[in-house]
Amino acid sequence: MARQYRSDRLSQEIEKEVSDILRRRVRDPRVEGVTITGVDVTGDLQQAKIYYSILSDKASDDQKTKEGLEKASGLIRKELGSRLSIYKTPELSFIRDESVQYGDKIDQLLNKLNRD
């Protein structure tokens, strides 16, 4: 139970800090407008999956954002290491959160149904 609590707490901290780092420290225009939607940390605290969303539906924007995040991941991990009081900073992987797009699509379909 304590291990689960610890990884949940770390997930919240990472989410908060990565959002701040992206806003204040990363100067790459490819990651402007990225919203961190969640973080999953493995039980051993060695890996962190960071879920993000962007406002654009275009595949080219998605690819640019992914490249920007991968390029910035070293800086983000280094910053996290200095901000978090943990023994080892987890490896970071960025994954696009499709749920935001899915929700928008459902909204559009419902609006269309209501109009018809």
PDB file of N, CA and C in Angstrom:
ATOM      1  N   MET A   1       0.825  -1.197   0.000  1.00  0.00           N
ATOM      2  CA  MET A   1       0.000   0.000   0.000  1.00  0.00           C
ATOM      3  C   MET A   1       0.874   1.267   0.000  1.00  0.00           C
ATOM      4  N   ALA A   2       1.902   1.253   0.811  1.00  0.00           N
ATOM      5  CA  ALA A   2       2.777   2.421   0.890  1.00  0.00           C
ATOM      6  C   ALA A   2       3.470   2.676  -0.449  1.00  0.00           C
ATOM      7  N   ARG A   3       3.821   1.593  -1.150  1.00  0.00           N
ATOM      8  CA  ARG A   3       4.499   1.732  -2.440  1.00  0.00           C
ATOM      9  C   ARG A   3       3.572   2.408  -3.461  1.00  0.00           C
ATOM     10  N   GLN A   4       2.286   2.000  -3.474  1.00  0.00           N
ATOM     11  CA  GLN A   4       1.306   2.597  -4.386  1.00  0.00           C
ATOM     12  C   GLN A   4       1.132   4.090  -4.079  1.00  0.00           C
ATOM     13  N   TYR A   5       1.044   4.403  -2.816  1.00  0.00           N
ATOM     14  CA  TYR A   5       0.894   5.800  -2.392  1.00  0.00           C
ATOM     15  C   TYR A   5       2.088   6.615  -2.854  1.00  0.00           C
ATOM     16  N   ARG A   6       3.259   6.033  -2.706  1.00  0.00           N
ATOM     17  CA  ARG A   6       4.488   6.730  -3.074  1.00  0.00           C
ATOM     18  C   ARG A   6       4.543   7.002  -4.582  1.00  0.00           C
ATOM     19  N   SER A   7       4.179   5.997  -5.385  1.00  0.00           N
ATOM     20  CA  SER A   7       4.223   6.207  -6.832  1.00  0.00           C
ATOM     21  C   SER A   7       3.137   7.188  -7.272  1.00  0.00           C
ATOM     22  N   ASP A   8       1.966   7.172  -6.617  1.00  0.00           N
ATOM     23  CA  ASP A   8       0.913   8.143  -6.930  1.00  0.00           C
ATOM     24  C   ASP A   8       1.362   9.564  -6.605  1.00  0.00           C
ATOM     25  N   ARG A   9       1.988   9.709  -5.447  1.00  0.00           N
ATOM     26  CA  ARG A   9       2.475  11.024  -5.029  1.00  0.00           C
ATOM     27  C   ARG A   9       3.548  11.528  -6.005  1.00  0.00           C
ATOM     28  N   LEU A  10       4.448  10.608  -6.389  1.00  0.00           N
ATOM     29  CA  LEU A  10       5.511  10.972  -7.328  1.00  0.00           C
ATOM     30  C   LEU A  10       4.916  11.342  -8.688  1.00  0.00           C
ATOM     31  N   SER A  11       3.883  10.619  -9.120  1.00  0.00           N
ATOM     32  CA  SER A  11       3.217  10.937 -10.393  1.00  0.00           C
ATOM     33  C   SER A  11       2.674  12.359 -10.375  1.00  0.00           C
ATOM     34  N   GLN A  12       2.036  12.733  -9.280  1.00  0.00           N
ATOM     35  CA  GLN A  12       1.482  14.082  -9.159  1.00  0.00           C
ATOM     36  C   GLN A  12       2.587  15.139  -9.182  1.00  0.00           C
ATOM     37  N   GLU A  13       3.661  14.863  -8.456  1.00  0.00           N
ATOM     38  CA  GLU A  13       4.793  15.801  -8.428  1.00  0.00           C
ATOM     39  C   GLU A  13       5.393  15.973  -9.820  1.00  0.00           C
ATOM     40  N   ILE A  14       5.596  14.842 -10.514  1.00  0.00           N
ATOM     41  CA  ILE A  14       6.189  14.890 -11.849  1.00  0.00           C
ATOM     42  C   ILE A  14       5.283  15.666 -12.793  1.00  0.00           C
ATOM     43  N   GLU A  15       3.981  15.421 -12.717  1.00  0.00           N
ATOM     44  CA  GLU A  15       3.027  16.131 -13.583  1.00  0.00           C
ATOM     45  C   GLU A  15       3.129  17.638 -13.378  1.00  0.00           C
ATOM     46  N   LYS A  16       3.137  18.044 -12.126  1.00  0.00           N
ATOM     47  CA  LYS A  16       3.220  19.468 -11.789  1.00  0.00           C
ATOM     48  C   LYS A  16       4.543  20.069 -12.274  1.00  0.00           C
ATOM     49  N   GLU A  17       5.645  19.381 -11.987  1.00  0.00           N
ATOM     50  CA  GLU A  17       6.969  19.912 -12.332  1.00  0.00           C
ATOM     51  C   GLU A  17       7.215  19.933 -13.838  1.00  0.00           C
ATOM     52  N   VAL A  18       6.802  18.871 -14.547  1.00  0.00           N
ATOM     53  CA  VAL A  18       7.022  18.840 -16.004  1.00  0.00           C
ATOM     54  C   VAL A  18       6.226  19.958 -16.670  1.00  0.00           C
ATOM     55  N   SER A  19       5.006  20.194 -16.208  1.00  0.00           N
ATOM     56  CA  SER A  19       4.210  21.305 -16.749  1.00  0.00           C
ATOM     57  C   SER A  19       4.950  22.627 -16.558  1.00  0.00           C
ATOM     58  N   ASP A  20       5.496  22.811 -15.370  1.00  0.00           N
ATOM     59  CA  ASP A  20       6.238  24.038 -15.067  1.00  0.00           C
ATOM     60  C   ASP A  20       7.512  24.141 -15.913  1.00  0.00           C
ATOM     61  N   ILE A  21       8.229  23.042 -16.046  1.00  0.00           N
ATOM     62  CA  ILE A  21       9.476  23.034 -16.832  1.00  0.00           C
ATOM     63  C   ILE A  21       9.177  23.364 -18.294  1.00  0.00           C
ATOM     64  N   LEU A  22       8.123  22.757 -18.837  1.00  0.00           N
ATOM     65  CA  LEU A  22       7.762  23.044 -20.234  1.00  0.00           C
ATOM     66  C   LEU A  22       7.412  24.512 -20.419  1.00  0.00           C
ATOM     67  N   ARG A  23       6.729  25.083 -19.451  1.00  0.00           N
ATOM     68  CA  ARG A  23       6.322  26.482 -19.541  1.00  0.00           C
ATOM     69  C   ARG A  23       7.502  27.442 -19.386  1.00  0.00           C
ATOM     70  N   ARG A  24       8.388  27.142 -18.446  1.00  0.00           N
ATOM     71  CA  ARG A  24       9.428  28.123 -18.091  1.00  0.00           C
ATOM     72  C   ARG A  24      10.813  27.864 -18.672  1.00  0.00           C
ATOM     73  N   ARG A  25      11.164  26.591 -18.886  1.00  0.00           N
ATOM     74  CA  ARG A  25      12.554  26.285 -19.231  1.00  0.00           C
ATOM     75  C   ARG A  25      12.767  25.838 -20.673  1.00  0.00           C
ATOM     76  N   VAL A  26      11.786  25.155 -21.258  1.00  0.00           N
ATOM     77  CA  VAL A  26      11.958  24.629 -22.612  1.00  0.00           C
ATOM     78  C   VAL A  26      11.595  25.728 -23.605  1.00  0.00           C
ATOM     79  N   ARG A  27      12.532  26.073 -24.454  1.00  0.00           N
ATOM     80  CA  ARG A  27      12.339  27.171 -25.402  1.00  0.00           C
ATOM     81  C   ARG A  27      11.961  26.672 -26.799  1.00  0.00           C
ATOM     82  N   ASP A  28      11.723  25.403 -26.960  1.00  0.00           N
ATOM     83  CA  ASP A  28      11.415  24.810 -28.262  1.00  0.00           C
ATOM     84  C   ASP A  28       9.981  25.158 -28.675  1.00  0.00           C
ATOM     85  N   PRO A  29       9.792  25.842 -29.806  1.00  0.00           N
ATOM     86  CA  PRO A  29       8.434  26.211 -30.225  1.00  0.00           C
ATOM     87  C   PRO A  29       7.544  24.993 -30.523  1.00  0.00           C
ATOM     88  N   ARG A  30       8.161  23.844 -30.770  1.00  0.00           N
ATOM     89  CA  ARG A  30       7.373  22.638 -31.069  1.00  0.00           C
ATOM     90  C   ARG A  30       6.573  22.155 -29.866  1.00  0.00           C
ATOM     91  N   VAL A  31       6.974  22.560 -28.655  1.00  0.00           N
ATOM     92  CA  VAL A  31       6.253  22.082 -27.469  1.00  0.00           C
ATOM     93  C   VAL A  31       5.380  23.159 -26.822  1.00  0.00           C
ATOM     94  N   GLU A  32       5.206  24.284 -27.516  1.00  0.00           N
ATOM     95  CA  GLU A  32       4.299  25.316 -27.002  1.00  0.00           C
ATOM     96  C   GLU A  32       2.875  24.791 -27.068  1.00  0.00           C
ATOM     97  N   GLY A  33       2.108  25.048 -26.044  1.00  0.00           N
ATOM     98  CA  GLY A  33       0.717  24.621 -26.048  1.00  0.00           C
ATOM     99  C   GLY A  33       0.496  23.172 -25.651  1.00  0.00           C
ATOM    100  N   VAL A  34       1.556  22.495 -25.211  1.00  0.00           N
ATOM    101  CA  VAL A  34       1.412  21.114 -24.744  1.00  0.00           C
ATOM    102  C   VAL A  34       0.824  21.135 -23.337  1.00  0.00           C
ATOM    103  N   THR A  35      -0.161  20.288 -23.108  1.00  0.00           N
ATOM    104  CA  THR A  35      -0.756  20.151 -21.785  1.00  0.00           C
ATOM    105  C   THR A  35      -0.459  18.760 -21.260  1.00  0.00           C
ATOM    106  N   ILE A  36       0.112  18.687 -20.074  1.00  0.00           N
ATOM    107  CA  ILE A  36       0.372  17.391 -19.445  1.00  0.00           C
ATOM    108  C   ILE A  36      -0.934  16.937 -18.799  1.00  0.00           C
ATOM    109  N   THR A  37      -1.412  15.756 -19.208  1.00  0.00           N
ATOM    110  CA  THR A  37      -2.719  15.288 -18.731  1.00  0.00           C
ATOM    111  C   THR A  37      -2.611  14.204 -17.668  1.00  0.00           C
ATOM    112  N   GLY A  38      -1.431  13.626 -17.507  1.00  0.00           N
ATOM    113  CA  GLY A  38      -1.275  12.593 -16.485  1.00  0.00           C
ATOM    114  C   GLY A  38       0.106  11.967 -16.538  1.00  0.00           C
ATOM    115  N   VAL A  39       0.462  11.284 -15.459  1.00  0.00           N
ATOM    116  CA  VAL A  39       1.751  10.602 -15.376  1.00  0.00           C
ATOM    117  C   VAL A  39       1.539   9.257 -14.688  1.00  0.00           C
ATOM    118  N   ASP A  40       2.101   8.217 -15.287  1.00  0.00           N
ATOM    119  CA  ASP A  40       2.110   6.890 -14.658  1.00  0.00           C
ATOM    120  C   ASP A  40       3.549   6.537 -14.322  1.00  0.00           C
ATOM    121  N   VAL A  41       3.796   6.259 -13.056  1.00  0.00           N
ATOM    122  CA  VAL A  41       5.135   5.859 -12.622  1.00  0.00           C
ATOM    123  C   VAL A  41       5.077   4.379 -12.259  1.00  0.00           C
ATOM    124  N   THR A  42       6.073   3.618 -12.710  1.00  0.00           N
ATOM    125  CA  THR A  42       6.106   2.198 -12.376  1.00  0.00           C
ATOM    126  C   THR A  42       6.327   2.025 -10.875  1.00  0.00           C
ATOM    127  N   GLY A  43       5.961   0.862 -10.358  1.00  0.00           N
ATOM    128  CA  GLY A  43       6.075   0.582  -8.925  1.00  0.00           C
ATOM    129  C   GLY A  43       7.477   0.758  -8.379  1.00  0.00           C
ATOM    130  N   ASP A  44       8.496   0.458  -9.212  1.00  0.00           N
ATOM    131  CA  ASP A  44       9.883   0.604  -8.754  1.00  0.00           C
ATOM    132  C   ASP A  44      10.418   2.025  -8.964  1.00  0.00           C
ATOM    133  N   LEU A  45       9.550   2.920  -9.459  1.00  0.00           N
ATOM    134  CA  LEU A  45       9.869   4.340  -9.657  1.00  0.00           C
ATOM    135  C   LEU A  45      10.987   4.582 -10.676  1.00  0.00           C
ATOM    136  N   GLN A  46      11.217   3.604 -11.567  1.00  0.00           N
ATOM    137  CA  GLN A  46      12.295   3.733 -12.546  1.00  0.00           C
ATOM    138  C   GLN A  46      11.850   4.332 -13.875  1.00  0.00           C
ATOM    139  N   GLN A  47      10.556   4.233 -14.180  1.00  0.00           N
ATOM    140  CA  GLN A  47      10.030   4.709 -15.455  1.00  0.00           C
ATOM    141  C   GLN A  47       8.815   5.599 -15.213  1.00  0.00           C
ATOM    142  N   ALA A  48       8.691   6.623 -16.020  1.00  0.00           N
ATOM    143  CA  ALA A  48       7.506   7.495 -15.944  1.00  0.00           C
ATOM    144  C   ALA A  48       6.972   7.715 -17.348  1.00  0.00           C
ATOM    145  N   LYS A  49       5.698   7.364 -17.541  1.00  0.00           N
ATOM    146  CA  LYS A  49       5.015   7.652 -18.797  1.00  0.00           C
ATOM    147  C   LYS A  49       4.269   8.955 -18.593  1.00  0.00           C
ATOM    148  N   ILE A  50       4.602   9.934 -19.426  1.00  0.00           N
ATOM    149  CA  ILE A  50       3.991  11.252 -19.304  1.00  0.00           C
ATOM    150  C   ILE A  50       3.016  11.433 -20.464  1.00  0.00           C
ATOM    151  N   TYR A  51       1.739  11.580 -20.125  1.00  0.00           N
ATOM    152  CA  TYR A  51       0.697  11.746 -21.138  1.00  0.00           C
ATOM    153  C   TYR A  51       0.475  13.230 -21.393  1.00  0.00           C
ATOM    154  N   TYR A  52       0.368  13.566 -22.670  1.00  0.00           N
ATOM    155  CA  TYR A  52       0.186  14.972 -23.037  1.00  0.00           C
ATOM    156  C   TYR A  52      -0.883  15.100 -24.120  1.00  0.00           C
ATOM    157  N   SER A  53      -1.419  16.302 -24.246  1.00  0.00           N
ATOM    158  CA  SER A  53      -2.342  16.579 -25.340  1.00  0.00           C
ATOM    159  C   SER A  53      -1.942  17.898 -25.990  1.00  0.00           C
ATOM    160  N   ILE A  54      -2.327  18.015 -27.259  1.00  0.00           N
ATOM    161  CA  ILE A  54      -2.145  19.268 -27.992  1.00  0.00           C
ATOM    162  C   ILE A  54      -3.484  19.603 -28.632  1.00  0.00           C
ATOM    163  N   LEU A  55      -3.684  20.865 -28.961  1.00  0.00           N
ATOM    164  CA  LEU A  55      -4.972  21.294 -29.501  1.00  0.00           C
ATOM    165  C   LEU A  55      -5.172  20.902 -30.963  1.00  0.00           C
ATOM    166  N   SER A  56      -4.092  20.717 -31.695  1.00  0.00           N
ATOM    167  CA  SER A  56      -4.186  20.425 -33.122  1.00  0.00           C
ATOM    168  C   SER A  56      -4.495  18.948 -33.378  1.00  0.00           C
ATOM    169  N   ASP A  57      -5.250  18.704 -34.449  1.00  0.00           N
ATOM    170  CA  ASP A  57      -5.527  17.333 -34.884  1.00  0.00           C
ATOM    171  C   ASP A  57      -4.573  16.895 -35.989  1.00  0.00           C
ATOM    172  N   LYS A  58      -3.788  17.829 -36.506  1.00  0.00           N
ATOM    173  CA  LYS A  58      -2.938  17.506 -37.656  1.00  0.00           C
ATOM    174  C   LYS A  58      -1.801  16.557 -37.259  1.00  0.00           C
ATOM    175  N   ALA A  59      -1.602  15.544 -38.096  1.00  0.00           N
ATOM    176  CA  ALA A  59      -0.547  14.562 -37.839  1.00  0.00           C
ATOM    177  C   ALA A  59       0.832  15.220 -37.849  1.00  0.00           C
ATOM    178  N   SER A  60       1.017  16.238 -38.696  1.00  0.00           N
ATOM    179  CA  SER A  60       2.324  16.909 -38.766  1.00  0.00           C
ATOM    180  C   SER A  60       2.626  17.627 -37.454  1.00  0.00           C
ATOM    181  N   ASP A  61       1.615  18.249 -36.851  1.00  0.00           N
ATOM    182  CA  ASP A  61       1.801  18.919 -35.560  1.00  0.00           C
ATOM    183  C   ASP A  61       2.105  17.899 -34.467  1.00  0.00           C
ATOM    184  N   ASP A  62       1.414  16.766 -34.517  1.00  0.00           N
ATOM    185  CA  ASP A  62       1.645  15.696 -33.551  1.00  0.00           C
ATOM    186  C   ASP A  62       3.091  15.227 -33.635  1.00  0.00           C
ATOM    187  N   GLN A  63       3.588  15.023 -34.850  1.00  0.00           N
ATOM    188  CA  GLN A  63       4.962  14.553 -35.052  1.00  0.00           C
ATOM    189  C   GLN A  63       5.966  15.590 -34.547  1.00  0.00           C
ATOM    190  N   LYS A  64       5.747  16.859 -34.869  1.00  0.00           N
ATOM    191  CA  LYS A  64       6.646  17.932 -34.416  1.00  0.00           C
ATOM    192  C   LYS A  64       6.685  18.000 -32.894  1.00  0.00           C
ATOM    193  N   THR A  65       5.514  17.902 -32.275  1.00  0.00           N
ATOM    194  CA  THR A  65       5.439  17.968 -30.813  1.00  0.00           C
ATOM    195  C   THR A  65       6.192  16.803 -30.194  1.00  0.00           C
ATOM    196  N   LYS A  66       5.981  15.611 -30.742  1.00  0.00           N
ATOM    197  CA  LYS A  66       6.661  14.410 -30.229  1.00  0.00           C
ATOM    198  C   LYS A  66       8.181  14.578 -30.333  1.00  0.00           C
ATOM    199  N   GLU A  67       8.650  15.069 -31.471  1.00  0.00           N
ATOM    200  CA  GLU A  67      10.095  15.298 -31.660  1.00  0.00           C
ATOM    201  C   GLU A  67      10.613  16.340 -30.672  1.00  0.00           C
ATOM    202  N   GLY A  68       9.851  17.404 -30.467  1.00  0.00           N
ATOM    203  CA  GLY A  68      10.251  18.454 -29.530  1.00  0.00           C
ATOM    204  C   GLY A  68      10.354  17.933 -28.107  1.00  0.00           C
ATOM    205  N   LEU A  69       9.380  17.112 -27.708  1.00  0.00           N
ATOM    206  CA  LEU A  69       9.397  16.543 -26.355  1.00  0.00           C
ATOM    207  C   LEU A  69      10.566  15.571 -26.180  1.00  0.00           C
ATOM    208  N   GLU A  70      10.820  14.752 -27.210  1.00  0.00           N
ATOM    209  CA  GLU A  70      11.938  13.815 -27.120  1.00  0.00           C
ATOM    210  C   GLU A  70      13.264  14.570 -27.012  1.00  0.00           C
ATOM    211  N   LYS A  71      13.392  15.651 -27.795  1.00  0.00           N
ATOM    212  CA  LYS A  71      14.620  16.445 -27.758  1.00  0.00           C
ATOM    213  C   LYS A  71      14.796  17.112 -26.387  1.00  0.00           C
ATOM    214  N   ALA A  72      13.683  17.536 -25.774  1.00  0.00           N
ATOM    215  CA  ALA A  72      13.737  18.239 -24.492  1.00  0.00           C
ATOM    216  C   ALA A  72      13.791  17.283 -23.298  1.00  0.00           C
ATOM    217  N   SER A  73      13.613  15.991 -23.523  1.00  0.00           N
ATOM    218  CA  SER A  73      13.489  15.057 -22.397  1.00  0.00           C
ATOM    219  C   SER A  73      14.736  15.028 -21.499  1.00  0.00           C
ATOM    220  N   GLY A  74      15.919  15.223 -22.075  1.00  0.00           N
ATOM    221  CA  GLY A  74      17.140  15.269 -21.268  1.00  0.00           C
ATOM    222  C   GLY A  74      17.113  16.439 -20.291  1.00  0.00           C
ATOM    223  N   LEU A  75      16.773  17.615 -20.804  1.00  0.00           N
ATOM    224  CA  LEU A  75      16.666  18.818 -19.972  1.00  0.00           C
ATOM    225  C   LEU A  75      15.578  18.637 -18.907  1.00  0.00           C
ATOM    226  N   ILE A  76      14.427  18.094 -19.335  1.00  0.00           N
ATOM    227  CA  ILE A  76      13.310  17.904 -18.407  1.00  0.00           C
ATOM    228  C   ILE A  76      13.719  16.953 -17.289  1.00  0.00           C
ATOM    229  N   ARG A  77      14.382  15.853 -17.645  1.00  0.00           N
ATOM    230  CA  ARG A  77      14.807  14.857 -16.643  1.00  0.00           C
ATOM    231  C   ARG A  77      15.837  15.464 -15.684  1.00  0.00           C
ATOM    232  N   LYS A  78      16.756  16.244 -16.225  1.00  0.00           N
ATOM    233  CA  LYS A  78      17.786  16.891 -15.393  1.00  0.00           C
ATOM    234  C   LYS A  78      17.132  17.865 -14.407  1.00  0.00           C
ATOM    235  N   GLU A  79      16.195  18.676 -14.913  1.00  0.00           N
ATOM    236  CA  GLU A  79      15.461  19.613 -14.054  1.00  0.00           C
ATOM    237  C   GLU A  79      14.686  18.871 -12.969  1.00  0.00           C
ATOM    238  N   LEU A  80      14.016  17.778 -13.377  1.00  0.00           N
ATOM    239  CA  LEU A  80      13.262  16.977 -12.404  1.00  0.00           C
ATOM    240  C   LEU A  80      14.183  16.464 -11.302  1.00  0.00           C
ATOM    241  N   GLY A  81      15.369  16.019 -11.703  1.00  0.00           N
ATOM    242  CA  GLY A  81      16.339  15.499 -10.743  1.00  0.00           C
ATOM    243  C   GLY A  81      16.712  16.513  -9.688  1.00  0.00           C
ATOM    244  N   SER A  82      16.795  17.781 -10.081  1.00  0.00           N
ATOM    245  CA  SER A  82      17.167  18.804  -9.100  1.00  0.00           C
ATOM    246  C   SER A  82      15.960  19.268  -8.280  1.00  0.00           C
ATOM    247  N   ARG A  83      14.744  19.102  -8.815  1.00  0.00           N
ATOM    248  CA  ARG A  83      13.551  19.572  -8.113  1.00  0.00           C
ATOM    249  C   ARG A  83      12.949  18.529  -7.169  1.00  0.00           C
ATOM    250  N   LEU A  84      13.072  17.255  -7.530  1.00  0.00           N
ATOM    251  CA  LEU A  84      12.453  16.193  -6.727  1.00  0.00           C
ATOM    252  C   LEU A  84      13.467  15.605  -5.760  1.00  0.00           C
ATOM    253  N   SER A  85      13.012  15.279  -4.568  1.00  0.00           N
ATOM    254  CA  SER A  85      13.936  14.682  -3.595  1.00  0.00           C
ATOM    255  C   SER A  85      13.799  13.156  -3.641  1.00  0.00           C
ATOM    256  N   ILE A  86      14.305  12.595  -4.756  1.00  0.00           N
ATOM    257  CA  ILE A  86      14.305  11.138  -4.904  1.00  0.00           C
ATOM    258  C   ILE A  86      15.708  10.686  -5.279  1.00  0.00           C
ATOM    259  N   TYR A  87      15.986   9.413  -5.001  1.00  0.00           N
ATOM    260  CA  TYR A  87      17.317   8.856  -5.214  1.00  0.00           C
ATOM    261  C   TYR A  87      17.689   8.842  -6.692  1.00  0.00           C
ATOM    262  N   LYS A  88      16.778   8.343  -7.532  1.00  0.00           N
ATOM    263  CA  LYS A  88      17.064   8.241  -8.961  1.00  0.00           C
ATOM    264  C   LYS A  88      15.881   8.793  -9.748  1.00  0.00           C
ATOM    265  N   THR A  89      16.162   9.695 -10.681  1.00  0.00           N
ATOM    266  CA  THR A  89      15.109  10.260 -11.511  1.00  0.00           C
ATOM    267  C   THR A  89      14.671   9.214 -12.534  1.00  0.00           C
ATOM    268  N   PRO A  90      13.367   8.982 -12.663  1.00  0.00           N
ATOM    269  CA  PRO A  90      12.903   7.959 -13.601  1.00  0.00           C
ATOM    270  C   PRO A  90      13.183   8.310 -15.060  1.00  0.00           C
ATOM    271  N   GLU A  91      13.274   7.276 -15.888  1.00  0.00           N
ATOM    272  CA  GLU A  91      13.362   7.469 -17.337  1.00  0.00           C
ATOM    273  C   GLU A  91      12.009   8.005 -17.785  1.00  0.00           C
ATOM    274  N   LEU A  92      12.020   8.957 -18.721  1.00  0.00           N
ATOM    275  CA  LEU A  92      10.770   9.578 -19.155  1.00  0.00           C
ATOM    276  C   LEU A  92      10.389   9.116 -20.554  1.00  0.00           C
ATOM    277  N   SER A  93       9.116   8.829 -20.747  1.00  0.00           N
ATOM    278  CA  SER A  93       8.608   8.607 -22.100  1.00  0.00           C
ATOM    279  C   SER A  93       7.323   9.409 -22.247  1.00  0.00           C
ATOM    280  N   PHE A  94       7.187  10.054 -23.394  1.00  0.00           N
ATOM    281  CA  PHE A  94       6.027  10.910 -23.652  1.00  0.00           C
ATOM    282  C   PHE A  94       5.053  10.198 -24.573  1.00  0.00           C
ATOM    283  N   ILE A  95       3.776  10.185 -24.178  1.00  0.00           N
ATOM    284  CA  ILE A  95       2.739   9.490 -24.929  1.00  0.00           C
ATOM    285  C   ILE A  95       1.567  10.444 -25.125  1.00  0.00           C
ATOM    286  N   ARG A  96       1.114  10.547 -26.363  1.00  0.00           N
ATOM    287  CA  ARG A  96      -0.027  11.438 -26.646  1.00  0.00           C
ATOM    288  C   ARG A  96      -1.286  10.867 -26.018  1.00  0.00           C
ATOM    289  N   ASP A  97      -1.993  11.708 -25.309  1.00  0.00           N
ATOM    290  CA  ASP A  97      -3.258  11.328 -24.673  1.00  0.00           C
ATOM    291  C   ASP A  97      -4.371  11.511 -25.696  1.00  0.00           C
ATOM    292  N   GLU A  98      -4.908  10.400 -26.172  1.00  0.00           N
ATOM    293  CA  GLU A  98      -5.932  10.450 -27.214  1.00  0.00           C
ATOM    294  C   GLU A  98      -7.313  10.767 -26.643  1.00  0.00           C
ATOM    295  N   SER A  99      -7.492  10.689 -25.342  1.00  0.00           N
ATOM    296  CA  SER A  99      -8.828  10.851 -24.752  1.00  0.00           C
ATOM    297  C   SER A  99      -9.411  12.241 -24.991  1.00  0.00           C
ATOM    298  N   VAL A 100      -8.550  13.270 -25.063  1.00  0.00           N
ATOM    299  CA  VAL A 100      -9.036  14.634 -25.296  1.00  0.00           C
ATOM    300  C   VAL A 100      -9.646  14.717 -26.699  1.00  0.00           C
ATOM    301  N   GLN A 101      -8.933  14.178 -27.696  1.00  0.00           N
ATOM    302  CA  GLN A 101      -9.443  14.160 -29.067  1.00  0.00           C
ATOM    303  C   GLN A 101     -10.724  13.343 -29.151  1.00  0.00           C
ATOM    304  N   TYR A 102     -10.729  12.208 -28.487  1.00  0.00           N
ATOM    305  CA  TYR A 102     -11.890  11.323 -28.498  1.00  0.00           C
ATOM    306  C   TYR A 102     -13.114  12.049 -27.924  1.00  0.00           C
ATOM    307  N   GLY A 103     -12.921  12.756 -26.833  1.00  0.00           N
ATOM    308  CA  GLY A 103     -13.997  13.530 -26.223  1.00  0.00           C
ATOM    309  C   GLY A 103     -14.531  14.606 -27.159  1.00  0.00           C
ATOM    310  N   ASP A 104     -13.618  15.287 -27.861  1.00  0.00           N
ATOM    311  CA  ASP A 104     -14.025  16.310 -28.826  1.00  0.00           C
ATOM    312  C   ASP A 104     -14.864  15.701 -29.948  1.00  0.00           C
ATOM    313  N   LYS A 105     -14.426  14.541 -30.411  1.00  0.00           N
ATOM    314  CA  LYS A 105     -15.150  13.851 -31.490  1.00  0.00           C
ATOM    315  C   LYS A 105     -16.563  13.480 -31.033  1.00  0.00           C
ATOM    316  N   ILE A 106     -16.692  12.966 -29.822  1.00  0.00           N
ATOM    317  CA  ILE A 106     -18.001  12.611 -29.264  1.00  0.00           C
ATOM    318  C   ILE A 106     -18.887  13.858 -29.163  1.00  0.00           C
ATOM    319  N   ASP A 107     -18.306  14.975 -28.689  1.00  0.00           N
ATOM    320  CA  ASP A 107     -19.054  16.241 -28.597  1.00  0.00           C
ATOM    321  C   ASP A 107     -19.581  16.676 -29.965  1.00  0.00           C
ATOM    322  N   GLN A 108     -18.709  16.579 -30.979  1.00  0.00           N
ATOM    323  CA  GLN A 108     -19.109  16.972 -32.334  1.00  0.00           C
ATOM    324  C   GLN A 108     -20.259  16.099 -32.828  1.00  0.00           C
ATOM    325  N   LEU A 109     -20.162  14.787 -32.593  1.00  0.00           N
ATOM    326  CA  LEU A 109     -21.217  13.873 -33.037  1.00  0.00           C
ATOM    327  C   LEU A 109     -22.540  14.163 -32.317  1.00  0.00           C
ATOM    328  N   LEU A 110     -22.471  14.428 -31.010  1.00  0.00           N
ATOM    329  CA  LEU A 110     -23.679  14.754 -30.261  1.00  0.00           C
ATOM    330  C   LEU A 110     -24.306  16.062 -30.734  1.00  0.00           C
ATOM    331  N   ASN A 111     -23.468  17.058 -30.993  1.00  0.00           N
ATOM    332  CA  ASN A 111     -23.976  18.337 -31.502  1.00  0.00           C
ATOM    333  C   ASN A 111     -24.654  18.156 -32.854  1.00  0.00           C
ATOM    334  N   LYS A 112     -24.049  17.331 -33.701  1.00  0.00           N
ATOM    335  CA  LYS A 112     -24.615  17.066 -35.034  1.00  0.00           C
ATOM    336  C   LYS A 112     -25.965  16.385 -34.891  1.00  0.00           C
ATOM    337  N   LEU A 113     -26.058  15.416 -33.985  1.00  0.00           N
ATOM    338  CA  LEU A 113     -27.321  14.722 -33.756  1.00  0.00           C
ATOM    339  C   LEU A 113     -28.408  15.678 -33.265  1.00  0.00           C
ATOM    340  N   ASN A 114     -28.021  16.574 -32.376  1.00  0.00           N
ATOM    341  CA  ASN A 114     -28.983  17.542 -31.834  1.00  0.00           C
ATOM    342  C   ASN A 114     -29.473  18.519 -32.902  1.00  0.00           C
ATOM    343  N   ARG A 115     -28.616  18.846 -33.858  1.00  0.00           N
ATOM    344  CA  ARG A 115     -28.986  19.773 -34.945  1.00  0.00           C
ATOM    345  C   ARG A 115     -29.952  19.100 -35.925  1.00  0.00           C
ATOM    346  N   ASP A 116     -29.751  17.813 -36.173  1.00  0.00           N
ATOM    347  CA  ASP A 116     -30.555  17.081 -37.186  1.00  0.00           C
ATOM    348  C   ASP A 116     -31.945  16.793 -36.750  1.00  0.00           C
TER     349      ASP A 116
END
